[in-house]
Amino acid sequence: MKPCDGSWKATSATPQFSAIVFEYRKLNTREARVAFVDTFLKTWAYNFEQSWPVIYQTLEWVEQDKLYADPRVIDPKESYTDFKSRGAVKAAV
């Protein structure tokens, strides 16, 4: 993707999973790690639920406008002839 397309904003809003793993590894008991993961998963699930309308709308645009085949939107090495191709390729790997 082109650097001015807003993709950098998405990466800056993405949870820093390396920081989460780092904090998890600092905990030294099973109970503490379970509590940490429980809270993390609840937070992640809530955020995913709140983000779902954005994901759904984007998937609709991808299908309607056939963005999966447009090298201006997708890296030309990763463009596909139809919406299902990418999943089929990934599943076969």
N, C-alpha and C. Protein backbone atom coordinates (compact mmCIF):
# COMPACT_ATOMS: atom_id res chain seq x y z
N MET A 1 0.83 -1.18 0.00
CA MET A 1 0.00 0.00 0.00
C MET A 1 0.88 1.24 0.00
N LYS A 2 0.30 2.30 -0.47
CA LYS A 2 1.03 3.55 -0.52
C LYS A 2 1.10 4.17 0.87
N PRO A 3 2.20 4.84 1.23
CA PRO A 3 2.35 5.37 2.58
C PRO A 3 1.35 6.44 2.95
N CYS A 4 0.74 7.09 1.98
CA CYS A 4 -0.19 8.18 2.29
C CYS A 4 -1.64 7.70 2.32
N ASP A 5 -1.87 6.42 2.30
CA ASP A 5 -3.23 5.91 2.22
C ASP A 5 -3.92 5.71 3.57
N GLY A 6 -3.25 6.04 4.63
CA GLY A 6 -3.86 5.90 5.95
C GLY A 6 -3.50 4.60 6.64
N SER A 7 -2.80 3.70 5.95
CA SER A 7 -2.46 2.42 6.58
C SER A 7 -1.57 2.62 7.80
N TRP A 8 -0.75 3.66 7.80
CA TRP A 8 0.11 3.92 8.97
C TRP A 8 -0.74 4.23 10.20
N LYS A 9 -1.91 4.83 10.01
CA LYS A 9 -2.77 5.12 11.16
C LYS A 9 -3.27 3.83 11.78
N ALA A 10 -3.56 2.84 10.95
CA ALA A 10 -4.03 1.55 11.47
C ALA A 10 -2.95 0.88 12.29
N THR A 11 -1.72 0.95 11.85
CA THR A 11 -0.65 0.30 12.61
C THR A 11 -0.40 1.02 13.92
N SER A 12 -0.58 2.32 13.95
CA SER A 12 -0.36 3.04 15.20
C SER A 12 -1.49 2.77 16.20
N ALA A 13 -2.66 2.34 15.70
CA ALA A 13 -3.78 2.04 16.58
C ALA A 13 -3.81 0.57 16.98
N THR A 14 -2.94 -0.25 16.41
CA THR A 14 -2.91 -1.68 16.69
C THR A 14 -2.27 -1.94 18.05
N PRO A 15 -2.88 -2.82 18.85
CA PRO A 15 -2.26 -3.14 20.14
C PRO A 15 -0.84 -3.65 19.93
N GLN A 16 0.03 -3.28 20.80
CA GLN A 16 1.41 -3.73 20.73
C GLN A 16 1.51 -5.09 21.41
N PHE A 17 1.35 -6.13 20.61
CA PHE A 17 1.33 -7.47 21.19
C PHE A 17 2.66 -7.85 21.82
N SER A 18 3.75 -7.30 21.34
CA SER A 18 5.03 -7.60 21.96
C SER A 18 5.05 -7.07 23.40
N ALA A 19 4.42 -5.92 23.63
CA ALA A 19 4.35 -5.37 24.99
C ALA A 19 3.46 -6.24 25.88
N ILE A 20 2.40 -6.77 25.30
CA ILE A 20 1.50 -7.65 26.06
C ILE A 20 2.24 -8.92 26.47
N VAL A 21 2.97 -9.51 25.52
CA VAL A 21 3.73 -10.72 25.82
C VAL A 21 4.81 -10.41 26.86
N PHE A 22 5.44 -9.26 26.74
CA PHE A 22 6.47 -8.87 27.70
C PHE A 22 5.89 -8.79 29.11
N GLU A 23 4.73 -8.14 29.25
CA GLU A 23 4.09 -8.02 30.57
C GLU A 23 3.67 -9.39 31.09
N TYR A 24 3.15 -10.23 30.21
CA TYR A 24 2.75 -11.58 30.59
C TYR A 24 3.93 -12.36 31.15
N ARG A 25 5.05 -12.29 30.46
CA ARG A 25 6.23 -13.04 30.88
C ARG A 25 6.82 -12.55 32.19
N LYS A 26 6.54 -11.32 32.56
CA LYS A 26 7.03 -10.80 33.84
C LYS A 26 6.29 -11.42 35.02
N LEU A 27 5.10 -11.93 34.77
CA LEU A 27 4.31 -12.55 35.84
C LEU A 27 4.89 -13.93 36.14
N ASN A 28 4.99 -14.26 37.42
CA ASN A 28 5.70 -15.49 37.77
C ASN A 28 4.82 -16.57 38.40
N THR A 29 3.52 -16.37 38.39
CA THR A 29 2.65 -17.44 38.89
C THR A 29 1.58 -17.75 37.84
N ARG A 30 1.12 -18.96 37.90
CA ARG A 30 0.05 -19.37 36.98
C ARG A 30 -1.19 -18.52 37.20
N GLU A 31 -1.53 -18.27 38.44
CA GLU A 31 -2.73 -17.49 38.75
C GLU A 31 -2.63 -16.07 38.18
N ALA A 32 -1.48 -15.45 38.34
CA ALA A 32 -1.30 -14.09 37.82
C ALA A 32 -1.40 -14.08 36.30
N ARG A 33 -0.81 -15.07 35.66
CA ARG A 33 -0.88 -15.13 34.20
C ARG A 33 -2.30 -15.38 33.72
N VAL A 34 -3.02 -16.26 34.42
CA VAL A 34 -4.42 -16.52 34.05
C VAL A 34 -5.25 -15.25 34.19
N ALA A 35 -5.08 -14.53 35.29
CA ALA A 35 -5.82 -13.28 35.49
C ALA A 35 -5.47 -12.26 34.41
N PHE A 36 -4.20 -12.17 34.07
CA PHE A 36 -3.75 -11.25 33.03
C PHE A 36 -4.39 -11.58 31.69
N VAL A 37 -4.33 -12.86 31.32
CA VAL A 37 -4.89 -13.28 30.03
C VAL A 37 -6.41 -13.11 30.03
N ASP A 38 -7.05 -13.41 31.14
CA ASP A 38 -8.50 -13.23 31.22
C ASP A 38 -8.88 -11.78 30.94
N THR A 39 -8.18 -10.85 31.58
CA THR A 39 -8.46 -9.43 31.36
C THR A 39 -8.12 -9.01 29.93
N PHE A 40 -6.99 -9.51 29.42
CA PHE A 40 -6.61 -9.18 28.05
C PHE A 40 -7.66 -9.67 27.06
N LEU A 41 -8.10 -10.92 27.22
CA LEU A 41 -9.09 -11.46 26.28
C LEU A 41 -10.42 -10.72 26.36
N LYS A 42 -10.85 -10.37 27.56
CA LYS A 42 -12.09 -9.60 27.69
C LYS A 42 -11.96 -8.24 27.00
N THR A 43 -10.82 -7.60 27.18
CA THR A 43 -10.59 -6.30 26.55
C THR A 43 -10.51 -6.45 25.04
N TRP A 44 -9.76 -7.47 24.57
CA TRP A 44 -9.63 -7.71 23.13
C TRP A 44 -10.99 -8.01 22.52
N ALA A 45 -11.79 -8.86 23.18
CA ALA A 45 -13.10 -9.22 22.66
C ALA A 45 -14.01 -7.99 22.58
N TYR A 46 -13.98 -7.16 23.60
CA TYR A 46 -14.79 -5.94 23.58
C TYR A 46 -14.37 -5.04 22.42
N ASN A 47 -13.06 -4.85 22.27
CA ASN A 47 -12.58 -3.99 21.18
C ASN A 47 -12.89 -4.58 19.82
N PHE A 48 -12.79 -5.90 19.68
CA PHE A 48 -13.13 -6.54 18.42
C PHE A 48 -14.61 -6.35 18.11
N GLU A 49 -15.45 -6.52 19.13
CA GLU A 49 -16.89 -6.33 18.93
C GLU A 49 -17.20 -4.90 18.50
N GLN A 50 -16.51 -3.93 19.10
CA GLN A 50 -16.72 -2.53 18.72
C GLN A 50 -16.20 -2.25 17.31
N SER A 51 -15.17 -2.98 16.89
CA SER A 51 -14.56 -2.78 15.57
C SER A 51 -15.27 -3.54 14.47
N TRP A 52 -16.11 -4.50 14.82
CA TRP A 52 -16.73 -5.35 13.82
C TRP A 52 -17.46 -4.58 12.73
N PRO A 53 -18.23 -3.53 13.03
CA PRO A 53 -18.89 -2.79 11.94
C PRO A 53 -17.89 -2.24 10.92
N VAL A 54 -16.72 -1.82 11.36
CA VAL A 54 -15.69 -1.31 10.45
C VAL A 54 -15.18 -2.44 9.56
N ILE A 55 -14.92 -3.59 10.16
CA ILE A 55 -14.43 -4.73 9.41
C ILE A 55 -15.48 -5.19 8.40
N TYR A 56 -16.71 -5.30 8.84
CA TYR A 56 -17.79 -5.75 7.97
C TYR A 56 -17.98 -4.80 6.79
N GLN A 57 -18.02 -3.50 7.06
CA GLN A 57 -18.19 -2.52 5.98
C GLN A 57 -17.04 -2.61 4.99
N THR A 58 -15.83 -2.76 5.50
CA THR A 58 -14.67 -2.86 4.63
C THR A 58 -14.75 -4.10 3.76
N LEU A 59 -15.15 -5.23 4.32
CA LEU A 59 -15.31 -6.45 3.53
C LEU A 59 -16.37 -6.28 2.45
N GLU A 60 -17.43 -5.56 2.77
CA GLU A 60 -18.45 -5.28 1.74
C GLU A 60 -17.85 -4.46 0.60
N TRP A 61 -17.06 -3.43 0.92
CA TRP A 61 -16.44 -2.61 -0.12
C TRP A 61 -15.47 -3.43 -0.97
N VAL A 62 -14.70 -4.28 -0.29
CA VAL A 62 -13.74 -5.14 -1.01
C VAL A 62 -14.47 -5.99 -2.03
N GLU A 63 -15.59 -6.59 -1.63
CA GLU A 63 -16.35 -7.44 -2.54
C GLU A 63 -17.05 -6.61 -3.62
N GLN A 64 -17.74 -5.55 -3.24
CA GLN A 64 -18.49 -4.74 -4.21
C GLN A 64 -17.59 -4.12 -5.27
N ASP A 65 -16.47 -3.58 -4.83
CA ASP A 65 -15.58 -2.87 -5.76
C ASP A 65 -14.45 -3.75 -6.29
N LYS A 66 -14.48 -5.03 -5.91
CA LYS A 66 -13.45 -5.99 -6.33
C LYS A 66 -12.03 -5.46 -6.05
N LEU A 67 -11.87 -4.91 -4.85
CA LEU A 67 -10.60 -4.32 -4.46
C LEU A 67 -9.48 -5.34 -4.34
N TYR A 68 -9.83 -6.61 -4.16
CA TYR A 68 -8.83 -7.67 -4.06
C TYR A 68 -8.04 -7.83 -5.36
N ALA A 69 -8.56 -7.32 -6.45
CA ALA A 69 -7.89 -7.45 -7.75
C ALA A 69 -7.23 -6.15 -8.21
N ASP A 70 -7.35 -5.10 -7.43
CA ASP A 70 -6.85 -3.79 -7.84
C ASP A 70 -5.45 -3.56 -7.29
N PRO A 71 -4.42 -3.59 -8.15
CA PRO A 71 -3.04 -3.41 -7.67
C PRO A 71 -2.77 -2.02 -7.09
N ARG A 72 -3.68 -1.08 -7.32
CA ARG A 72 -3.51 0.24 -6.70
C ARG A 72 -3.85 0.19 -5.22
N VAL A 73 -4.64 -0.78 -4.84
CA VAL A 73 -5.08 -0.91 -3.45
C VAL A 73 -4.30 -2.00 -2.72
N ILE A 74 -4.10 -3.10 -3.40
CA ILE A 74 -3.40 -4.26 -2.84
C ILE A 74 -2.06 -4.39 -3.55
N ASP A 75 -1.05 -4.78 -2.82
CA ASP A 75 0.25 -5.05 -3.41
C ASP A 75 0.05 -5.95 -4.63
N PRO A 76 0.59 -5.60 -5.81
CA PRO A 76 0.35 -6.40 -7.01
C PRO A 76 0.69 -7.88 -6.83
N LYS A 77 1.64 -8.21 -5.98
CA LYS A 77 1.98 -9.61 -5.74
C LYS A 77 0.90 -10.31 -4.91
N GLU A 78 -0.01 -9.54 -4.34
CA GLU A 78 -1.05 -10.13 -3.50
C GLU A 78 -2.45 -9.85 -4.02
N SER A 79 -2.60 -9.44 -5.26
CA SER A 79 -3.94 -9.25 -5.81
C SER A 79 -4.45 -10.60 -6.32
N TYR A 80 -5.76 -10.77 -6.34
CA TYR A 80 -6.38 -12.04 -6.67
C TYR A 80 -7.51 -11.84 -7.67
N THR A 81 -7.87 -12.90 -8.36
CA THR A 81 -8.93 -12.80 -9.36
C THR A 81 -10.31 -12.78 -8.74
N ASP A 82 -10.47 -13.36 -7.55
CA ASP A 82 -11.77 -13.32 -6.88
C ASP A 82 -11.57 -13.23 -5.37
N PHE A 83 -12.66 -12.99 -4.68
CA PHE A 83 -12.61 -12.73 -3.24
C PHE A 83 -12.17 -13.95 -2.45
N LYS A 84 -12.44 -15.15 -2.96
CA LYS A 84 -12.13 -16.38 -2.22
C LYS A 84 -10.72 -16.88 -2.46
N SER A 85 -10.03 -16.40 -3.47
CA SER A 85 -8.72 -16.95 -3.82
C SER A 85 -7.71 -16.86 -2.72
N ARG A 86 -7.62 -15.73 -2.05
CA ARG A 86 -6.61 -15.56 -1.01
C ARG A 86 -6.77 -16.58 0.09
N GLY A 87 -7.99 -16.79 0.54
CA GLY A 87 -8.22 -17.78 1.59
C GLY A 87 -7.86 -19.18 1.13
N ALA A 88 -8.15 -19.50 -0.11
CA ALA A 88 -7.84 -20.83 -0.64
C ALA A 88 -6.33 -21.02 -0.71
N VAL A 89 -5.62 -19.98 -1.12
CA VAL A 89 -4.17 -20.08 -1.21
C VAL A 89 -3.58 -20.24 0.18
N LYS A 90 -4.05 -19.46 1.15
CA LYS A 90 -3.52 -19.52 2.50
C LYS A 90 -3.85 -20.88 3.14
N ALA A 91 -5.05 -21.39 2.88
CA ALA A 91 -5.45 -22.66 3.47
C ALA A 91 -4.62 -23.81 2.92
N ALA A 92 -4.20 -23.71 1.67
CA ALA A 92 -3.43 -24.77 1.04
C ALA A 92 -1.99 -24.80 1.53
N VAL A 93 -1.52 -23.70 2.10
CA VAL A 93 -0.11 -23.62 2.53
C VAL A 93 0.13 -24.40 3.78
